[in-house]
Full PDB file with SEQRES, HELIX, SHEET, SSBOND, CRYST1, ORIGX, SCALE, CONECT and MASTER records, all heavy atoms in Angstrom:
SEQRES   1 A   40  PRO LEU SER ALA GLN ALA VAL GLU PRO ASP GLU MET LEU          
SEQRES   2 A   40  ALA ASP PRO VAL LEU GLU GLU ARG ALA ARG VAL ILE SER          
SEQRES   3 A   40  LYS ASP LEU ARG CYS VAL VAL CYS GLN ASN GLN ASP ILE          
SEQRES   4 A   40  ASP                                                          
HELIX    1 AA1 PRO A    9  GLU A   11  5                                   3    
HELIX    2 AA2 PRO A   16  LYS A   27  1                                  12    
CRYST1    1.000    1.000    1.000  90.00  90.00  90.00 P 1           1          
ORIGX1      1.000000  0.000000  0.000000        0.00000                         
ORIGX2      0.000000  1.000000  0.000000        0.00000                         
ORIGX3      0.000000  0.000000  1.000000        0.00000                         
SCALE1      1.000000  0.000000  0.000000        0.00000                         
SCALE2      0.000000  1.000000  0.000000        0.00000                         
SCALE3      0.000000  0.000000  1.000000        0.00000                         
ATOM      1  N   PRO A   1       0.803  -1.225   0.000  1.00  0.00           N  
ATOM      2  CA  PRO A   1       0.000   0.000   0.000  1.00  0.00           C  
ATOM      3  C   PRO A   1       0.837   1.276   0.000  1.00  0.00           C  
ATOM      4  O   PRO A   1       0.378   2.304  -0.467  1.00  0.00           O  
ATOM      5  CB  PRO A   1      -0.818  -0.096   1.291  1.00  0.00           C  
ATOM      6  CG  PRO A   1      -0.792  -1.518   1.661  1.00  0.00           C  
ATOM      7  CD  PRO A   1       0.473  -2.086   1.114  1.00  0.00           C  
ATOM      8  N   LEU A   2       2.055   1.196   0.508  1.00  0.00           N  
ATOM      9  CA  LEU A   2       2.897   2.390   0.537  1.00  0.00           C  
ATOM     10  C   LEU A   2       3.330   2.813  -0.861  1.00  0.00           C  
ATOM     11  O   LEU A   2       3.675   3.952  -1.087  1.00  0.00           O  
ATOM     12  CB  LEU A   2       4.131   2.147   1.416  1.00  0.00           C  
ATOM     13  CG  LEU A   2       3.848   1.859   2.877  1.00  0.00           C  
ATOM     14  CD1 LEU A   2       5.148   1.546   3.606  1.00  0.00           C  
ATOM     15  CD2 LEU A   2       3.130   3.010   3.524  1.00  0.00           C  
ATOM     16  N   SER A   3       3.336   1.881  -1.799  1.00  0.00           N  
ATOM     17  CA  SER A   3       3.770   2.216  -3.145  1.00  0.00           C  
ATOM     18  C   SER A   3       2.627   2.698  -4.033  1.00  0.00           C  
ATOM     19  O   SER A   3       2.839   3.044  -5.180  1.00  0.00           O  
ATOM     20  CB  SER A   3       4.450   1.002  -3.791  1.00  0.00           C  
ATOM     21  OG  SER A   3       3.490  -0.023  -3.971  1.00  0.00           O  
ATOM     22  N   ALA A   4       1.405   2.682  -3.521  1.00  0.00           N  
ATOM     23  CA  ALA A   4       0.252   3.094  -4.321  1.00  0.00           C  
ATOM     24  C   ALA A   4       0.307   4.588  -4.607  1.00  0.00           C  
ATOM     25  O   ALA A   4       0.697   5.387  -3.765  1.00  0.00           O  
ATOM     26  CB  ALA A   4      -1.031   2.752  -3.584  1.00  0.00           C  
ATOM     27  N   GLN A   5      -0.086   4.936  -5.805  1.00  0.00           N  
ATOM     28  CA  GLN A   5      -0.124   6.335  -6.199  1.00  0.00           C  
ATOM     29  C   GLN A   5      -1.578   6.791  -6.268  1.00  0.00           C  
ATOM     30  O   GLN A   5      -2.472   6.007  -6.553  1.00  0.00           O  
ATOM     31  CB  GLN A   5       0.548   6.523  -7.564  1.00  0.00           C  
ATOM     32  CG  GLN A   5       2.005   6.099  -7.589  1.00  0.00           C  
ATOM     33  CD  GLN A   5       2.875   6.934  -6.686  1.00  0.00           C  
ATOM     34  OE1 GLN A   5       2.736   8.141  -6.617  1.00  0.00           O  
ATOM     35  NE2 GLN A   5       3.761   6.292  -5.961  1.00  0.00           N  
ATOM     36  N   ALA A   6      -1.815   8.068  -6.039  1.00  0.00           N  
ATOM     37  CA  ALA A   6      -3.170   8.594  -6.056  1.00  0.00           C  
ATOM     38  C   ALA A   6      -3.564   9.087  -7.439  1.00  0.00           C  
ATOM     39  O   ALA A   6      -4.700   9.481  -7.638  1.00  0.00           O  
ATOM     40  CB  ALA A   6      -3.294   9.716  -5.039  1.00  0.00           C  
ATOM     41  N   VAL A   7      -2.662   9.085  -8.379  1.00  0.00           N  
ATOM     42  CA  VAL A   7      -2.961   9.575  -9.716  1.00  0.00           C  
ATOM     43  C   VAL A   7      -3.994   8.656 -10.354  1.00  0.00           C  
ATOM     44  O   VAL A   7      -3.796   7.440 -10.448  1.00  0.00           O  
ATOM     45  CB  VAL A   7      -1.687   9.651 -10.588  1.00  0.00           C  
ATOM     46  CG1 VAL A   7      -2.020  10.104 -11.991  1.00  0.00           C  
ATOM     47  CG2 VAL A   7      -0.676  10.580  -9.949  1.00  0.00           C  
ATOM     48  N   GLU A   8      -5.099   9.236 -10.775  1.00  0.00           N  
ATOM     49  CA  GLU A   8      -6.180   8.487 -11.403  1.00  0.00           C  
ATOM     50  C   GLU A   8      -5.884   8.303 -12.889  1.00  0.00           C  
ATOM     51  O   GLU A   8      -5.217   9.151 -13.500  1.00  0.00           O  
ATOM     52  CB  GLU A   8      -7.504   9.233 -11.221  1.00  0.00           C  
ATOM     53  CG  GLU A   8      -7.896   9.440  -9.778  1.00  0.00           C  
ATOM     54  CD  GLU A   8      -8.230   8.163  -9.054  1.00  0.00           C  
ATOM     55  OE1 GLU A   8      -8.778   7.242  -9.700  1.00  0.00           O  
ATOM     56  OE2 GLU A   8      -7.936   8.069  -7.854  1.00  0.00           O  
ATOM     57  N   PRO A   9      -6.401   7.233 -13.487  1.00  0.00           N  
ATOM     58  CA  PRO A   9      -6.159   7.004 -14.921  1.00  0.00           C  
ATOM     59  C   PRO A   9      -6.642   8.148 -15.808  1.00  0.00           C  
ATOM     60  O   PRO A   9      -6.017   8.455 -16.819  1.00  0.00           O  
ATOM     61  CB  PRO A   9      -6.934   5.717 -15.212  1.00  0.00           C  
ATOM     62  CG  PRO A   9      -7.032   5.021 -13.897  1.00  0.00           C  
ATOM     63  CD  PRO A   9      -7.084   6.109 -12.863  1.00  0.00           C  
ATOM     64  N   ASP A  10      -7.740   8.804 -15.411  1.00  0.00           N  
ATOM     65  CA  ASP A  10      -8.245   9.907 -16.241  1.00  0.00           C  
ATOM     66  C   ASP A  10      -7.361  11.152 -16.163  1.00  0.00           C  
ATOM     67  O   ASP A  10      -7.506  12.068 -16.974  1.00  0.00           O  
ATOM     68  CB  ASP A  10      -9.685  10.248 -15.863  1.00  0.00           C  
ATOM     69  CG  ASP A  10      -9.818  10.755 -14.438  1.00  0.00           C  
ATOM     70  OD1 ASP A  10      -9.019  10.340 -13.577  1.00  0.00           O  
ATOM     71  OD2 ASP A  10     -10.735  11.574 -14.200  1.00  0.00           O  
ATOM     72  N   GLU A  11      -6.443  11.209 -15.205  1.00  0.00           N  
ATOM     73  CA  GLU A  11      -5.524  12.340 -15.087  1.00  0.00           C  
ATOM     74  C   GLU A  11      -4.285  12.162 -15.955  1.00  0.00           C  
ATOM     75  O   GLU A  11      -3.634  13.138 -16.312  1.00  0.00           O  
ATOM     76  CB  GLU A  11      -5.049  12.505 -13.638  1.00  0.00           C  
ATOM     77  CG  GLU A  11      -6.131  12.797 -12.644  1.00  0.00           C  
ATOM     78  CD  GLU A  11      -5.597  12.819 -11.220  1.00  0.00           C  
ATOM     79  OE1 GLU A  11      -4.397  13.094 -11.020  1.00  0.00           O  
ATOM     80  OE2 GLU A  11      -6.372  12.549 -10.305  1.00  0.00           O  
ATOM     81  N   MET A  12      -3.928  10.935 -16.265  1.00  0.00           N  
ATOM     82  CA  MET A  12      -2.670  10.652 -16.958  1.00  0.00           C  
ATOM     83  C   MET A  12      -2.671  11.188 -18.379  1.00  0.00           C  
ATOM     84  O   MET A  12      -3.683  11.160 -19.073  1.00  0.00           O  
ATOM     85  CB  MET A  12      -2.409   9.152 -16.974  1.00  0.00           C  
ATOM     86  CG  MET A  12      -2.141   8.573 -15.617  1.00  0.00           C  
ATOM     87  SD  MET A  12      -1.778   6.831 -15.779  1.00  0.00           S  
ATOM     88  CE  MET A  12      -1.659   6.367 -14.087  1.00  0.00           C  
ATOM     89  N   LEU A  13      -1.493  11.667 -18.766  1.00  0.00           N  
ATOM     90  CA  LEU A  13      -1.314  12.171 -20.121  1.00  0.00           C  
ATOM     91  C   LEU A  13      -1.012  11.016 -21.073  1.00  0.00           C  
ATOM     92  O   LEU A  13      -0.404  10.015 -20.681  1.00  0.00           O  
ATOM     93  CB  LEU A  13      -0.164  13.182 -20.143  1.00  0.00           C  
ATOM     94  CG  LEU A  13      -0.369  14.444 -19.292  1.00  0.00           C  
ATOM     95  CD1 LEU A  13       0.907  15.249 -19.232  1.00  0.00           C  
ATOM     96  CD2 LEU A  13      -1.512  15.281 -19.850  1.00  0.00           C  
ATOM     97  N   ALA A  14      -1.420  11.187 -22.313  1.00  0.00           N  
ATOM     98  CA  ALA A  14      -1.188  10.143 -23.315  1.00  0.00           C  
ATOM     99  C   ALA A  14       0.294  10.023 -23.661  1.00  0.00           C  
ATOM    100  O   ALA A  14       0.790   8.933 -23.927  1.00  0.00           O  
ATOM    101  CB  ALA A  14      -2.007  10.441 -24.576  1.00  0.00           C  
ATOM    102  N   ASP A  15       1.006  11.147 -23.619  1.00  0.00           N  
ATOM    103  CA  ASP A  15       2.438  11.155 -23.937  1.00  0.00           C  
ATOM    104  C   ASP A  15       3.223  10.687 -22.704  1.00  0.00           C  
ATOM    105  O   ASP A  15       3.208  11.363 -21.667  1.00  0.00           O  
ATOM    106  CB  ASP A  15       2.866  12.567 -24.338  1.00  0.00           C  
ATOM    107  CG  ASP A  15       4.322  12.670 -24.739  1.00  0.00           C  
ATOM    108  OD1 ASP A  15       5.050  11.652 -24.660  1.00  0.00           O  
ATOM    109  OD2 ASP A  15       4.742  13.775 -25.137  1.00  0.00           O  
ATOM    110  N   PRO A  16       3.910   9.542 -22.796  1.00  0.00           N  
ATOM    111  CA  PRO A  16       4.624   9.028 -21.612  1.00  0.00           C  
ATOM    112  C   PRO A  16       5.742   9.944 -21.130  1.00  0.00           C  
ATOM    113  O   PRO A  16       6.049   9.985 -19.939  1.00  0.00           O  
ATOM    114  CB  PRO A  16       5.175   7.675 -22.066  1.00  0.00           C  
ATOM    115  CG  PRO A  16       5.007   7.612 -23.526  1.00  0.00           C  
ATOM    116  CD  PRO A  16       4.023   8.644 -23.942  1.00  0.00           C  
ATOM    117  N   VAL A  17       6.361  10.703 -22.027  1.00  0.00           N  
ATOM    118  CA  VAL A  17       7.424  11.625 -21.625  1.00  0.00           C  
ATOM    119  C   VAL A  17       6.842  12.753 -20.790  1.00  0.00           C  
ATOM    120  O   VAL A  17       7.380  13.110 -19.728  1.00  0.00           O  
ATOM    121  CB  VAL A  17       8.176  12.166 -22.866  1.00  0.00           C  
ATOM    122  CG1 VAL A  17       9.175  13.232 -22.470  1.00  0.00           C  
ATOM    123  CG2 VAL A  17       8.850  11.035 -23.622  1.00  0.00           C  
ATOM    124  N   LEU A  18       5.725  13.328 -21.231  1.00  0.00           N  
ATOM    125  CA  LEU A  18       5.077  14.397 -20.465  1.00  0.00           C  
ATOM    126  C   LEU A  18       4.540  13.861 -19.137  1.00  0.00           C  
ATOM    127  O   LEU A  18       4.605  14.546 -18.118  1.00  0.00           O  
ATOM    128  CB  LEU A  18       3.938  15.024 -21.271  1.00  0.00           C  
ATOM    129  CG  LEU A  18       4.335  15.999 -22.375  1.00  0.00           C  
ATOM    130  CD1 LEU A  18       3.098  16.537 -23.079  1.00  0.00           C  
ATOM    131  CD2 LEU A  18       5.152  17.151 -21.823  1.00  0.00           C  
ATOM    132  N   GLU A  19       4.011  12.649 -19.154  1.00  0.00           N  
ATOM    133  CA  GLU A  19       3.496  12.053 -17.920  1.00  0.00           C  
ATOM    134  C   GLU A  19       4.624  11.864 -16.905  1.00  0.00           C  
ATOM    135  O   GLU A  19       4.458  12.137 -15.718  1.00  0.00           O  
ATOM    136  CB  GLU A  19       2.799  10.727 -18.207  1.00  0.00           C  
ATOM    137  CG  GLU A  19       2.249  10.032 -16.982  1.00  0.00           C  
ATOM    138  CD  GLU A  19       1.207  10.843 -16.226  1.00  0.00           C  
ATOM    139  OE1 GLU A  19       0.486  11.669 -16.837  1.00  0.00           O  
ATOM    140  OE2 GLU A  19       1.107  10.662 -14.997  1.00  0.00           O  
ATOM    141  N   GLU A  20       5.771  11.424 -17.383  1.00  0.00           N  
ATOM    142  CA  GLU A  20       6.924  11.249 -16.485  1.00  0.00           C  
ATOM    143  C   GLU A  20       7.371  12.596 -15.921  1.00  0.00           C  
ATOM    144  O   GLU A  20       7.687  12.698 -14.730  1.00  0.00           O  
ATOM    145  CB  GLU A  20       8.076  10.552 -17.214  1.00  0.00           C  
ATOM    146  CG  GLU A  20       9.284  10.300 -16.353  1.00  0.00           C  
ATOM    147  CD  GLU A  20       9.006   9.440 -15.123  1.00  0.00           C  
ATOM    148  OE1 GLU A  20       8.143   8.551 -15.196  1.00  0.00           O  
ATOM    149  OE2 GLU A  20       9.656   9.671 -14.084  1.00  0.00           O  
ATOM    150  N   ARG A  21       7.373  13.621 -16.747  1.00  0.00           N  
ATOM    151  CA  ARG A  21       7.725  14.969 -16.255  1.00  0.00           C  
ATOM    152  C   ARG A  21       6.711  15.425 -15.215  1.00  0.00           C  
ATOM    153  O   ARG A  21       7.078  16.021 -14.198  1.00  0.00           O  
ATOM    154  CB  ARG A  21       7.778  15.960 -17.418  1.00  0.00           C  
ATOM    155  CG  ARG A  21       9.011  15.815 -18.280  1.00  0.00           C  
ATOM    156  CD  ARG A  21       9.029  16.799 -19.434  1.00  0.00           C  
ATOM    157  NE  ARG A  21       8.879  18.175 -18.991  1.00  0.00           N  
ATOM    158  CZ  ARG A  21       8.430  19.163 -19.792  1.00  0.00           C  
ATOM    159  NH1 ARG A  21       8.113  18.910 -21.051  1.00  0.00           N  
ATOM    160  NH2 ARG A  21       8.323  20.389 -19.330  1.00  0.00           N  
ATOM    161  N   ALA A  22       5.435  15.152 -15.452  1.00  0.00           N  
ATOM    162  CA  ALA A  22       4.392  15.542 -14.496  1.00  0.00           C  
ATOM    163  C   ALA A  22       4.610  14.829 -13.159  1.00  0.00           C  
ATOM    164  O   ALA A  22       4.455  15.434 -12.091  1.00  0.00           O  
ATOM    165  CB  ALA A  22       3.012  15.209 -15.060  1.00  0.00           C  
ATOM    166  N   ARG A  23       4.995  13.567 -13.224  1.00  0.00           N  
ATOM    167  CA  ARG A  23       5.254  12.809 -11.994  1.00  0.00           C  
ATOM    168  C   ARG A  23       6.444  13.384 -11.235  1.00  0.00           C  
ATOM    169  O   ARG A  23       6.428  13.474 -10.014  1.00  0.00           O  
ATOM    170  CB  ARG A  23       5.516  11.332 -12.297  1.00  0.00           C  
ATOM    171  CG  ARG A  23       4.330  10.584 -12.853  1.00  0.00           C  
ATOM    172  CD  ARG A  23       3.293  10.400 -11.743  1.00  0.00           C  
ATOM    173  NE  ARG A  23       2.142   9.677 -12.227  1.00  0.00           N  
ATOM    174  CZ  ARG A  23       1.885   8.418 -11.930  1.00  0.00           C  
ATOM    175  NH1 ARG A  23       2.690   7.739 -11.156  1.00  0.00           N  
ATOM    176  NH2 ARG A  23       0.803   7.842 -12.398  1.00  0.00           N  
ATOM    177  N   VAL A  24       7.484  13.759 -11.947  1.00  0.00           N  
ATOM    178  CA  VAL A  24       8.672  14.335 -11.315  1.00  0.00           C  
ATOM    179  C   VAL A  24       8.308  15.650 -10.622  1.00  0.00           C  
ATOM    180  O   VAL A  24       8.698  15.892  -9.470  1.00  0.00           O  
ATOM    181  CB  VAL A  24       9.798  14.552 -12.355  1.00  0.00           C  
ATOM    182  CG1 VAL A  24      10.920  15.399 -11.784  1.00  0.00           C  
ATOM    183  CG2 VAL A  24      10.332  13.214 -12.844  1.00  0.00           C  
ATOM    184  N   ILE A  25       7.543  16.488 -11.303  1.00  0.00           N  
ATOM    185  CA  ILE A  25       7.129  17.773 -10.715  1.00  0.00           C  
ATOM    186  C   ILE A  25       6.233  17.526  -9.505  1.00  0.00           C  
ATOM    187  O   ILE A  25       6.382  18.162  -8.457  1.00  0.00           O  
ATOM    188  CB  ILE A  25       6.410  18.641 -11.768  1.00  0.00           C  
ATOM    189  CG1 ILE A  25       7.377  19.038 -12.879  1.00  0.00           C  
ATOM    190  CG2 ILE A  25       5.802  19.879 -11.124  1.00  0.00           C  
ATOM    191  CD1 ILE A  25       6.710  19.650 -14.098  1.00  0.00           C  
ATOM    192  N   SER A  26       5.301  16.592  -9.635  1.00  0.00           N  
ATOM    193  CA  SER A  26       4.342  16.313  -8.566  1.00  0.00           C  
ATOM    194  C   SER A  26       5.014  15.802  -7.300  1.00  0.00           C  
ATOM    195  O   SER A  26       4.511  16.008  -6.193  1.00  0.00           O  
ATOM    196  CB  SER A  26       3.311  15.285  -9.034  1.00  0.00           C  
ATOM    197  OG  SER A  26       2.538  15.818 -10.076  1.00  0.00           O  
ATOM    198  N   LYS A  27       6.141  15.121  -7.429  1.00  0.00           N  
ATOM    199  CA  LYS A  27       6.862  14.608  -6.259  1.00  0.00           C  
ATOM    200  C   LYS A  27       7.473  15.743  -5.426  1.00  0.00           C  
ATOM    201  O   LYS A  27       7.793  15.551  -4.259  1.00  0.00           O  
ATOM    202  CB  LYS A  27       7.982  13.652  -6.687  1.00  0.00           C  
ATOM    203  CG  LYS A  27       7.493  12.370  -7.285  1.00  0.00           C  
ATOM    204  CD  LYS A  27       7.035  11.427  -6.219  1.00  0.00           C  
ATOM    205  CE  LYS A  27       6.670  10.094  -6.835  1.00  0.00           C  
ATOM    206  NZ  LYS A  27       5.911   9.279  -5.929  1.00  0.00           N  
ATOM    207  N   ASP A  28       7.644  16.916  -6.030  1.00  0.00           N  
ATOM    208  CA  ASP A  28       8.252  18.044  -5.324  1.00  0.00           C  
ATOM    209  C   ASP A  28       7.225  19.042  -4.792  1.00  0.00           C  
ATOM    210  O   ASP A  28       7.593  20.031  -4.171  1.00  0.00           O  
ATOM    211  CB  ASP A  28       9.228  18.783  -6.245  1.00  0.00           C  
ATOM    212  CG  ASP A  28      10.464  17.967  -6.556  1.00  0.00           C  
ATOM    213  OD1 ASP A  28      10.823  17.101  -5.728  1.00  0.00           O  
ATOM    214  OD2 ASP A  28      11.069  18.187  -7.619  1.00  0.00           O  
ATOM    215  N   LEU A  29       5.940  18.781  -5.046  1.00  0.00           N  
ATOM    216  CA  LEU A  29       4.896  19.697  -4.601  1.00  0.00           C  
ATOM    217  C   LEU A  29       4.119  19.088  -3.437  1.00  0.00           C  
ATOM    218  O   LEU A  29       3.713  17.941  -3.478  1.00  0.00           O  
ATOM    219  CB  LEU A  29       3.941  20.022  -5.762  1.00  0.00           C  
ATOM    220  CG  LEU A  29       4.571  20.745  -6.944  1.00  0.00           C  
ATOM    221  CD1 LEU A  29       3.556  20.895  -8.073  1.00  0.00           C  
ATOM    222  CD2 LEU A  29       5.115  22.097  -6.542  1.00  0.00           C  
ATOM    223  N   ARG A  30       3.897  19.900  -2.410  1.00  0.00           N  
ATOM    224  CA  ARG A  30       3.213  19.463  -1.188  1.00  0.00           C  
ATOM    225  C   ARG A  30       1.702  19.627  -1.363  1.00  0.00           C  
ATOM    226  O   ARG A  30       1.223  20.624  -1.875  1.00  0.00           O  
ATOM    227  CB  ARG A  30       3.674  20.341  -0.024  1.00  0.00           C  
ATOM    228  CG  ARG A  30       3.024  20.053   1.300  1.00  0.00           C  
ATOM    229  CD  ARG A  30       3.333  21.125   2.357  1.00  0.00           C  
ATOM    230  NE  ARG A  30       4.665  21.652   2.303  1.00  0.00           N  
ATOM    231  CZ  ARG A  30       5.712  21.137   2.958  1.00  0.00           C  
ATOM    232  NH1 ARG A  30       5.550  20.073   3.698  1.00  0.00           N  
ATOM    233  NH2 ARG A  30       6.894  21.683   2.861  1.00  0.00           N  
ATOM    234  N   CYS A  31       0.975  18.634  -0.877  1.00  0.00           N  
ATOM    235  CA  CYS A  31      -0.476  18.757  -0.812  1.00  0.00           C  
ATOM    236  C   CYS A  31      -0.785  19.742   0.316  1.00  0.00           C  
ATOM    237  O   CYS A  31      -0.352  19.533   1.454  1.00  0.00           O  
ATOM    238  CB  CYS A  31      -1.112  17.401  -0.541  1.00  0.00           C  
ATOM    239  SG  CYS A  31      -2.891  17.504  -0.255  1.00  0.00           S  
ATOM    240  N   VAL A  32      -1.520  20.780   0.016  1.00  0.00           N  
ATOM    241  CA  VAL A  32      -1.781  21.814   1.028  1.00  0.00           C  
ATOM    242  C   VAL A  32      -2.776  21.344   2.085  1.00  0.00           C  
ATOM    243  O   VAL A  32      -2.887  21.960   3.131  1.00  0.00           O  
ATOM    244  CB  VAL A  32      -2.258  23.136   0.378  1.00  0.00           C  
ATOM    245  CG1 VAL A  32      -1.150  23.746  -0.450  1.00  0.00           C  
ATOM    246  CG2 VAL A  32      -3.500  22.926  -0.453  1.00  0.00           C  
ATOM    247  N   VAL A  33      -3.457  20.243   1.828  1.00  0.00           N  
ATOM    248  CA  VAL A  33      -4.385  19.677   2.806  1.00  0.00           C  
ATOM    249  C   VAL A  33      -3.673  18.636   3.673  1.00  0.00           C  
ATOM    250  O   VAL A  33      -3.806  18.627   4.890  1.00  0.00           O  
ATOM    251  CB  VAL A  33      -5.600  19.036   2.102  1.00  0.00           C  
ATOM    252  CG1 VAL A  33      -6.507  18.327   3.099  1.00  0.00           C  
ATOM    253  CG2 VAL A  33      -6.377  20.087   1.330  1.00  0.00           C  
ATOM    254  N   CYS A  34      -2.902  17.762   3.032  1.00  0.00           N  
ATOM    255  CA  CYS A  34      -2.245  16.650   3.735  1.00  0.00           C  
ATOM    256  C   CYS A  34      -0.949  17.078   4.410  1.00  0.00           C  
ATOM    257  O   CYS A  34      -0.356  16.307   5.139  1.00  0.00           O  
ATOM    258  CB  CYS A  34      -1.930  15.517   2.760  1.00  0.00           C  
ATOM    259  SG  CYS A  34      -3.372  14.986   1.834  1.00  0.00           S  
ATOM    260  N   GLN A  35      -0.465  18.229   4.134  1.00  0.00           N  
ATOM    261  CA  GLN A  35       0.708  18.865   4.711  1.00  0.00           C  
ATOM    262  C   GLN A  35       2.032  18.268   4.282  1.00  0.00           C  
ATOM    263  O   GLN A  35       2.745  18.897   3.546  1.00  0.00           O  
ATOM    264  CB  GLN A  35       0.604  18.935   6.224  1.00  0.00           C  
ATOM    265  CG  GLN A  35      -0.538  19.824   6.640  1.00  0.00           C  
ATOM    266  CD  GLN A  35      -0.526  20.123   8.102  1.00  0.00           C  
ATOM    267  OE1 GLN A  35       0.366  19.739   8.821  1.00  0.00           O  
ATOM    268  NE2 GLN A  35      -1.527  20.837   8.568  1.00  0.00           N  
ATOM    269  N   ASN A  36       2.392  17.084   4.708  1.00  0.00           N  
ATOM    270  CA  ASN A  36       3.732  16.603   4.364  1.00  0.00           C  
ATOM    271  C   ASN A  36       3.675  15.422   3.401  1.00  0.00           C  
ATOM    272  O   ASN A  36       4.458  14.501   3.496  1.00  0.00           O  
ATOM    273  CB  ASN A  36       4.523  16.237   5.619  1.00  0.00           C  
ATOM    274  CG  ASN A  36       6.003  16.445   5.403  1.00  0.00           C  
ATOM    275  OD1 ASN A  36       6.404  17.209   4.533  1.00  0.00           O  
ATOM    276  ND2 ASN A  36       6.829  15.767   6.162  1.00  0.00           N  
ATOM    277  N   GLN A  37       2.756  15.488   2.460  1.00  0.00           N  
ATOM    278  CA  GLN A  37       2.597  14.447   1.459  1.00  0.00           C  
ATOM    279  C   GLN A  37       2.635  15.117   0.096  1.00  0.00           C  
ATOM    280  O   GLN A  37       2.060  16.185  -0.090  1.00  0.00           O  
ATOM    281  CB  GLN A  37       1.265  13.732   1.676  1.00  0.00           C  
ATOM    282  CG  GLN A  37       1.064  12.513   0.848  1.00  0.00           C  
ATOM    283  CD  GLN A  37      -0.246  11.814   1.210  1.00  0.00           C  
ATOM    284  OE1 GLN A  37      -1.108  12.399   1.849  1.00  0.00           O  
ATOM    285  NE2 GLN A  37      -0.381  10.592   0.785  1.00  0.00           N  
ATOM    286  N   ASP A  38       3.336  14.500  -0.857  1.00  0.00           N  
ATOM    287  CA  ASP A  38       3.375  15.102  -2.179  1.00  0.00           C  
ATOM    288  C   ASP A  38       2.039  14.901  -2.875  1.00  0.00           C  
ATOM    289  O   ASP A  38       1.262  14.013  -2.538  1.00  0.00           O  
ATOM    290  CB  ASP A  38       4.535  14.534  -3.015  1.00  0.00           C  
ATOM    291  CG  ASP A  38       4.415  13.049  -3.245  1.00  0.00           C  
ATOM    292  OD1 ASP A  38       3.452  12.625  -3.900  1.00  0.00           O  
ATOM    293  OD2 ASP A  38       5.304  12.312  -2.781  1.00  0.00           O  
ATOM    294  N   ILE A  39       1.751  15.755  -3.871  1.00  0.00           N  
ATOM    295  CA  ILE A  39       0.455  15.700  -4.539  1.00  0.00           C  
ATOM    296  C   ILE A  39       0.305  14.430  -5.377  1.00  0.00           C  
ATOM    297  O   ILE A  39      -0.805  14.018  -5.688  1.00  0.00           O  
ATOM    298  CB  ILE A  39       0.199  16.948  -5.412  1.00  0.00           C  
ATOM    299  CG1 ILE A  39       1.193  17.059  -6.555  1.00  0.00           C  
ATOM    300  CG2 ILE A  39       0.178  18.198  -4.567  1.00  0.00           C  
ATOM    301  CD1 ILE A  39       0.849  18.123  -7.580  1.00  0.00           C  
ATOM    302  N   ASP A  40       1.404  13.803  -5.727  1.00  0.00           N  
ATOM    303  CA  ASP A  40       1.352  12.595  -6.534  1.00  0.00           C  
ATOM    304  C   ASP A  40       0.756  11.425  -5.754  1.00  0.00           C  
ATOM    305  O   ASP A  40       0.138  10.537  -6.331  1.00  0.00           O  
ATOM    306  CB  ASP A  40       2.758  12.236  -7.021  1.00  0.00           C  
ATOM    307  CG  ASP A  40       2.741  11.313  -8.215  1.00  0.00           C  
ATOM    308  OD1 ASP A  40       1.847  11.473  -9.073  1.00  0.00           O  
ATOM    309  OD2 ASP A  40       3.614  10.438  -8.306  1.00  0.00           O  
TER     310      ASP A  40                                                      
MASTER        0    0    0    2    0    0    0    6  309    1    0    4          
END                                                                             
């Protein structure tokens, strides 16, 4: 369960390169509700 991601299939980009970039960016952004959890 710790490896599960919250990204829904309808959010994913069709281009795998852009999707990977989105994942990299999302790992550095904090969820403003969850506090110390990344948005990914």
